[in-house]
Amino acid sequence: MNLRRHRRALVMLLAMVALGACSQKPQTLTQTGAPAAEAPWMGGKPAFTAAGWTVGDQASWQREIDRRAQAQNEYVRMR
């Protein structure tokens, strides 16, 4: 009886260790390509810049974000 209990505990421990190794790495990249300490409208590599956005201008950055959000809105797209 005691051997079964130890064997069951060992199997459960091995299963927990095996499943613990199946975790995903944290994804810490920023969306804009700018350093994390910098405001999002201040940075941006040329690959990430849109045509209507000027680097450093918060108002144009906000307009571009709003335009992108509206382009993803199904209700607006289907009208």
N, C-alpha and C. Protein backbone atom coordinates (compact mmCIF):
# COMPACT_ATOMS: atom_id res chain seq x y z
N MET A 1 0.82 -1.19 0.00
CA MET A 1 0.00 0.00 0.00
C MET A 1 0.86 1.26 0.00
N ASN A 2 1.89 1.25 0.81
CA ASN A 2 2.76 2.40 0.91
C ASN A 2 3.55 2.60 -0.38
N LEU A 3 3.94 1.49 -1.04
CA LEU A 3 4.67 1.58 -2.30
C LEU A 3 3.80 2.20 -3.38
N ARG A 4 2.50 1.86 -3.42
CA ARG A 4 1.59 2.45 -4.41
C ARG A 4 1.47 3.96 -4.20
N ARG A 5 1.39 4.36 -2.95
CA ARG A 5 1.25 5.78 -2.64
C ARG A 5 2.50 6.55 -3.09
N HIS A 6 3.66 6.00 -2.86
CA HIS A 6 4.90 6.64 -3.28
C HIS A 6 5.02 6.68 -4.80
N ARG A 7 4.63 5.59 -5.43
CA ARG A 7 4.69 5.52 -6.88
C ARG A 7 3.75 6.55 -7.51
N ARG A 8 2.54 6.68 -6.96
CA ARG A 8 1.55 7.65 -7.45
C ARG A 8 2.07 9.07 -7.25
N ALA A 9 2.67 9.34 -6.11
CA ALA A 9 3.21 10.67 -5.84
C ALA A 9 4.36 10.99 -6.80
N LEU A 10 5.19 10.00 -7.08
CA LEU A 10 6.31 10.20 -8.01
C LEU A 10 5.80 10.49 -9.43
N VAL A 11 4.79 9.74 -9.86
CA VAL A 11 4.21 9.97 -11.19
C VAL A 11 3.60 11.37 -11.28
N MET A 12 2.89 11.79 -10.23
CA MET A 12 2.29 13.13 -10.23
C MET A 12 3.37 14.21 -10.26
N LEU A 13 4.45 14.00 -9.51
CA LEU A 13 5.53 14.97 -9.49
C LEU A 13 6.20 15.07 -10.85
N LEU A 14 6.45 13.93 -11.49
CA LEU A 14 7.05 13.94 -12.82
C LEU A 14 6.14 14.60 -13.85
N ALA A 15 4.83 14.38 -13.73
CA ALA A 15 3.88 15.02 -14.65
C ALA A 15 3.89 16.53 -14.46
N MET A 16 3.96 16.98 -13.22
CA MET A 16 3.98 18.43 -12.96
C MET A 16 5.26 19.06 -13.50
N VAL A 17 6.38 18.39 -13.34
CA VAL A 17 7.65 18.91 -13.85
C VAL A 17 7.62 18.95 -15.38
N ALA A 18 7.09 17.91 -16.00
CA ALA A 18 7.03 17.86 -17.46
C ALA A 18 6.12 18.96 -18.02
N LEU A 19 4.98 19.18 -17.39
CA LEU A 19 4.07 20.22 -17.86
C LEU A 19 4.58 21.63 -17.54
N GLY A 20 5.37 21.76 -16.52
CA GLY A 20 5.94 23.06 -16.18
C GLY A 20 6.95 23.53 -17.21
N ALA A 21 7.53 22.63 -17.96
CA ALA A 21 8.50 23.00 -18.99
C ALA A 21 7.83 23.44 -20.28
N CYS A 22 6.51 23.40 -20.34
CA CYS A 22 5.80 23.74 -21.57
C CYS A 22 5.29 25.18 -21.58
N SER A 23 5.95 26.07 -20.88
CA SER A 23 5.47 27.45 -20.84
C SER A 23 6.08 28.26 -21.98
N GLN A 24 5.41 29.36 -22.32
CA GLN A 24 5.85 30.22 -23.41
C GLN A 24 6.73 31.33 -22.84
N LYS A 25 7.73 31.75 -23.59
CA LYS A 25 8.59 32.84 -23.16
C LYS A 25 7.81 34.15 -23.19
N PRO A 26 8.08 35.08 -22.28
CA PRO A 26 7.38 36.36 -22.32
C PRO A 26 7.77 37.16 -23.56
N GLN A 27 6.80 37.84 -24.14
CA GLN A 27 7.03 38.64 -25.34
C GLN A 27 7.10 40.10 -24.92
N THR A 28 8.29 40.68 -24.96
CA THR A 28 8.49 42.01 -24.40
C THR A 28 8.85 43.06 -25.44
N LEU A 29 8.72 42.79 -26.70
CA LEU A 29 9.03 43.80 -27.72
C LEU A 29 7.96 44.88 -27.71
N THR A 30 8.36 46.11 -28.02
CA THR A 30 7.38 47.20 -28.10
C THR A 30 6.77 47.21 -29.49
N GLN A 31 5.56 47.72 -29.59
CA GLN A 31 4.86 47.75 -30.87
C GLN A 31 5.44 48.79 -31.82
N THR A 32 5.96 49.88 -31.31
CA THR A 32 6.40 50.97 -32.17
C THR A 32 7.83 50.84 -32.62
N GLY A 33 8.61 50.04 -31.96
CA GLY A 33 10.03 49.97 -32.27
C GLY A 33 10.82 51.01 -31.49
N ALA A 34 10.15 51.85 -30.73
CA ALA A 34 10.80 52.87 -29.91
C ALA A 34 11.21 52.26 -28.58
N PRO A 35 12.22 52.83 -27.94
CA PRO A 35 12.56 52.35 -26.60
C PRO A 35 11.39 52.53 -25.63
N ALA A 36 11.32 51.69 -24.61
CA ALA A 36 10.18 51.72 -23.70
C ALA A 36 10.09 53.02 -22.91
N ALA A 37 11.22 53.69 -22.65
CA ALA A 37 11.22 54.93 -21.87
C ALA A 37 10.79 56.13 -22.70
N GLU A 38 10.68 55.96 -23.99
CA GLU A 38 10.36 57.05 -24.91
C GLU A 38 8.87 57.03 -25.25
N ALA A 39 8.29 58.21 -25.47
CA ALA A 39 6.88 58.29 -25.86
C ALA A 39 6.70 57.64 -27.23
N PRO A 40 5.56 56.98 -27.48
CA PRO A 40 5.38 56.24 -28.74
C PRO A 40 5.45 57.13 -29.97
N TRP A 41 5.04 58.39 -29.88
CA TRP A 41 5.05 59.26 -31.05
C TRP A 41 6.43 59.87 -31.31
N MET A 42 7.39 59.63 -30.41
CA MET A 42 8.73 60.18 -30.59
C MET A 42 9.65 59.24 -31.37
N GLY A 43 9.34 57.97 -31.39
CA GLY A 43 10.24 57.02 -32.02
C GLY A 43 9.63 56.43 -33.27
N GLY A 44 10.19 55.38 -33.68
CA GLY A 44 9.67 54.66 -34.83
C GLY A 44 10.72 54.50 -35.90
N LYS A 45 10.95 53.29 -36.26
CA LYS A 45 11.89 53.02 -37.35
C LYS A 45 11.16 53.23 -38.66
N PRO A 46 11.87 53.50 -39.74
CA PRO A 46 11.19 53.74 -41.02
C PRO A 46 10.27 52.61 -41.46
N ALA A 47 10.54 51.40 -41.03
CA ALA A 47 9.66 50.28 -41.41
C ALA A 47 8.31 50.37 -40.72
N PHE A 48 8.22 51.11 -39.62
CA PHE A 48 6.99 51.19 -38.85
C PHE A 48 6.22 52.48 -39.09
N THR A 49 6.74 53.40 -39.84
CA THR A 49 6.07 54.69 -40.01
C THR A 49 5.04 54.62 -41.13
N ALA A 50 3.91 55.28 -40.91
CA ALA A 50 2.85 55.35 -41.92
C ALA A 50 2.98 56.66 -42.69
N ALA A 51 2.30 56.75 -43.81
CA ALA A 51 2.42 57.93 -44.67
C ALA A 51 1.89 59.19 -44.00
N GLY A 52 0.81 59.12 -43.21
CA GLY A 52 0.22 60.31 -42.62
C GLY A 52 0.81 60.70 -41.28
N TRP A 53 1.88 60.08 -40.87
CA TRP A 53 2.42 60.32 -39.53
C TRP A 53 3.78 60.98 -39.62
N THR A 54 3.97 62.06 -38.86
CA THR A 54 5.27 62.71 -38.77
C THR A 54 5.85 62.41 -37.40
N VAL A 55 7.11 62.06 -37.36
CA VAL A 55 7.77 61.66 -36.12
C VAL A 55 7.83 62.85 -35.16
N GLY A 56 7.41 62.63 -33.92
CA GLY A 56 7.47 63.66 -32.89
C GLY A 56 6.20 64.47 -32.73
N ASP A 57 5.24 64.32 -33.63
CA ASP A 57 3.98 65.08 -33.55
C ASP A 57 2.91 64.19 -32.92
N GLN A 58 2.52 64.52 -31.70
CA GLN A 58 1.55 63.70 -30.97
C GLN A 58 0.18 63.73 -31.64
N ALA A 59 -0.24 64.86 -32.17
CA ALA A 59 -1.56 64.97 -32.80
C ALA A 59 -1.66 64.09 -34.04
N SER A 60 -0.63 64.10 -34.88
CA SER A 60 -0.67 63.25 -36.08
C SER A 60 -0.58 61.78 -35.70
N TRP A 61 0.15 61.47 -34.64
CA TRP A 61 0.23 60.09 -34.16
C TRP A 61 -1.15 59.62 -33.70
N GLN A 62 -1.87 60.47 -32.95
CA GLN A 62 -3.20 60.10 -32.46
C GLN A 62 -4.19 59.95 -33.63
N ARG A 63 -4.10 60.83 -34.63
CA ARG A 63 -4.98 60.69 -35.82
C ARG A 63 -4.72 59.37 -36.54
N GLU A 64 -3.46 59.00 -36.65
CA GLU A 64 -3.11 57.75 -37.33
C GLU A 64 -3.61 56.54 -36.54
N ILE A 65 -3.51 56.58 -35.22
CA ILE A 65 -4.02 55.50 -34.38
C ILE A 65 -5.54 55.40 -34.54
N ASP A 66 -6.23 56.54 -34.53
CA ASP A 66 -7.69 56.54 -34.69
C ASP A 66 -8.10 56.02 -36.07
N ARG A 67 -7.33 56.39 -37.10
CA ARG A 67 -7.64 55.92 -38.46
C ARG A 67 -7.47 54.40 -38.55
N ARG A 68 -6.42 53.89 -37.93
CA ARG A 68 -6.20 52.43 -37.95
C ARG A 68 -7.30 51.70 -37.18
N ALA A 69 -7.72 52.27 -36.07
CA ALA A 69 -8.79 51.64 -35.29
C ALA A 69 -10.09 51.62 -36.08
N GLN A 70 -10.40 52.69 -36.79
CA GLN A 70 -11.63 52.72 -37.59
C GLN A 70 -11.55 51.75 -38.77
N ALA A 71 -10.36 51.55 -39.31
CA ALA A 71 -10.20 50.61 -40.42
C ALA A 71 -10.43 49.17 -39.96
N GLN A 72 -10.28 48.90 -38.66
CA GLN A 72 -10.51 47.55 -38.14
C GLN A 72 -11.92 47.36 -37.61
N ASN A 73 -12.72 48.40 -37.61
CA ASN A 73 -14.09 48.33 -37.11
C ASN A 73 -15.00 47.76 -38.19
N GLU A 74 -15.56 46.59 -37.98
CA GLU A 74 -16.40 45.94 -39.00
C GLU A 74 -17.66 46.72 -39.30
N TYR A 75 -18.23 47.37 -38.30
CA TYR A 75 -19.46 48.14 -38.53
C TYR A 75 -19.20 49.28 -39.51
N VAL A 76 -18.09 49.98 -39.35
CA VAL A 76 -17.75 51.09 -40.24
C VAL A 76 -17.37 50.58 -41.61
N ARG A 77 -16.63 49.47 -41.68
CA ARG A 77 -16.17 48.94 -42.96
C ARG A 77 -17.31 48.45 -43.84
N MET A 78 -18.40 47.93 -43.24
CA MET A 78 -19.46 47.31 -44.02
C MET A 78 -20.55 48.30 -44.44
N ARG A 79 -20.47 49.53 -44.02
CA ARG A 79 -21.49 50.51 -44.42
C ARG A 79 -21.37 50.89 -45.85
